[in-house]
Amino acid sequence: MEALILLVPVSLLLGALGLIGFLWALRSRQYDDLEGAAARILFDDQPGKDPPP
């Protein structure tokens, strides 16, 4: 029972840190373009550029 006195606040703190990290990621616009990065790999490089030897 004494362990709960320590574990409950620690778990609440870790949950709050996770929520703060998620909200920070939303505000820094990391989830805006989910399809763009997936489709970008399908396109060829820009025309006119020679590949490196």
C-alpha atoms as a PDB file:
ATOM      1  CA  MET A   1       0.000   0.000   0.000  1.00  0.00           C
ATOM      2  CA  GLU A   2       2.928   2.335   0.657  1.00  0.00           C
ATOM      3  CA  ALA A   3       4.096   1.851  -2.915  1.00  0.00           C
ATOM      4  CA  LEU A   4       0.876   3.425  -4.209  1.00  0.00           C
ATOM      5  CA  ILE A   5       1.778   6.661  -2.449  1.00  0.00           C
ATOM      6  CA  LEU A   6       4.769   6.904  -4.774  1.00  0.00           C
ATOM      7  CA  LEU A   7       3.431   5.210  -7.902  1.00  0.00           C
ATOM      8  CA  VAL A   8       0.204   7.193  -8.325  1.00  0.00           C
ATOM      9  CA  PRO A   9       1.894  10.637  -8.475  1.00  0.00           C
ATOM     10  CA  VAL A  10       4.651   9.271 -10.717  1.00  0.00           C
ATOM     11  CA  SER A  11       2.117   7.821 -13.145  1.00  0.00           C
ATOM     12  CA  LEU A  12       0.139  11.075 -13.166  1.00  0.00           C
ATOM     13  CA  LEU A  13       3.334  13.009 -13.854  1.00  0.00           C
ATOM     14  CA  LEU A  14       4.299  10.706 -16.723  1.00  0.00           C
ATOM     15  CA  GLY A  15       0.808  10.972 -18.199  1.00  0.00           C
ATOM     16  CA  ALA A  16       0.940  14.759 -17.992  1.00  0.00           C
ATOM     17  CA  LEU A  17       4.364  14.781 -19.683  1.00  0.00           C
ATOM     18  CA  GLY A  18       3.019  12.597 -22.480  1.00  0.00           C
ATOM     19  CA  LEU A  19       0.024  14.888 -22.949  1.00  0.00           C
ATOM     20  CA  ILE A  20       2.258  17.963 -23.003  1.00  0.00           C
ATOM     21  CA  GLY A  21       4.513  16.295 -25.594  1.00  0.00           C
ATOM     22  CA  PHE A  22       1.532  15.409 -27.773  1.00  0.00           C
ATOM     23  CA  LEU A  23       0.112  18.931 -27.574  1.00  0.00           C
ATOM     24  CA  TRP A  24       3.534  20.358 -28.433  1.00  0.00           C
ATOM     25  CA  ALA A  25       3.698  18.098 -31.507  1.00  0.00           C
ATOM     26  CA  LEU A  26       0.248  19.283 -32.599  1.00  0.00           C
ATOM     27  CA  ARG A  27       1.159  22.949 -32.201  1.00  0.00           C
ATOM     28  CA  SER A  28       4.443  22.549 -34.065  1.00  0.00           C
ATOM     29  CA  ARG A  29       2.411  21.184 -37.012  1.00  0.00           C
ATOM     30  CA  GLN A  30       4.090  17.774 -37.188  1.00  0.00           C
ATOM     31  CA  TYR A  31       0.878  15.992 -38.173  1.00  0.00           C
ATOM     32  CA  ASP A  32      -0.273  18.334 -40.946  1.00  0.00           C
ATOM     33  CA  ASP A  33       0.814  16.473 -44.091  1.00  0.00           C
ATOM     34  CA  LEU A  34       0.622  12.739 -43.519  1.00  0.00           C
ATOM     35  CA  GLU A  35       0.086  11.828 -47.181  1.00  0.00           C
ATOM     36  CA  GLY A  36       2.763  14.092 -48.666  1.00  0.00           C
ATOM     37  CA  ALA A  37       5.752  12.211 -47.291  1.00  0.00           C
ATOM     38  CA  ALA A  38       4.280   8.873 -48.343  1.00  0.00           C
ATOM     39  CA  ALA A  39       3.624  10.049 -51.904  1.00  0.00           C
ATOM     40  CA  ARG A  40       6.923  11.914 -52.297  1.00  0.00           C
ATOM     41  CA  ILE A  41       8.895   8.686 -52.521  1.00  0.00           C
ATOM     42  CA  LEU A  42       6.909   7.665 -55.602  1.00  0.00           C
ATOM     43  CA  PHE A  43       8.055  10.657 -57.663  1.00  0.00           C
ATOM     44  CA  ASP A  44      11.307  10.669 -59.619  1.00  0.00           C
ATOM     45  CA  ASP A  45      14.018  13.182 -58.923  1.00  0.00           C
ATOM     46  CA  GLN A  46      13.803  16.566 -60.597  1.00  0.00           C
ATOM     47  CA  PRO A  47      14.504  16.370 -64.341  1.00  0.00           C
ATOM     48  CA  GLY A  48      17.857  17.648 -65.546  1.00  0.00           C
ATOM     49  CA  LYS A  49      19.824  16.451 -62.572  1.00  0.00           C
ATOM     50  CA  ASP A  50      22.327  13.713 -63.208  1.00  0.00           C
ATOM     51  CA  PRO A  51      22.611  11.066 -60.513  1.00  0.00           C
ATOM     52  CA  PRO A  52      25.923  11.056 -58.652  1.00  0.00           C
ATOM     53  CA  PRO A  53      28.489   8.578 -59.986  1.00  0.00           C
END
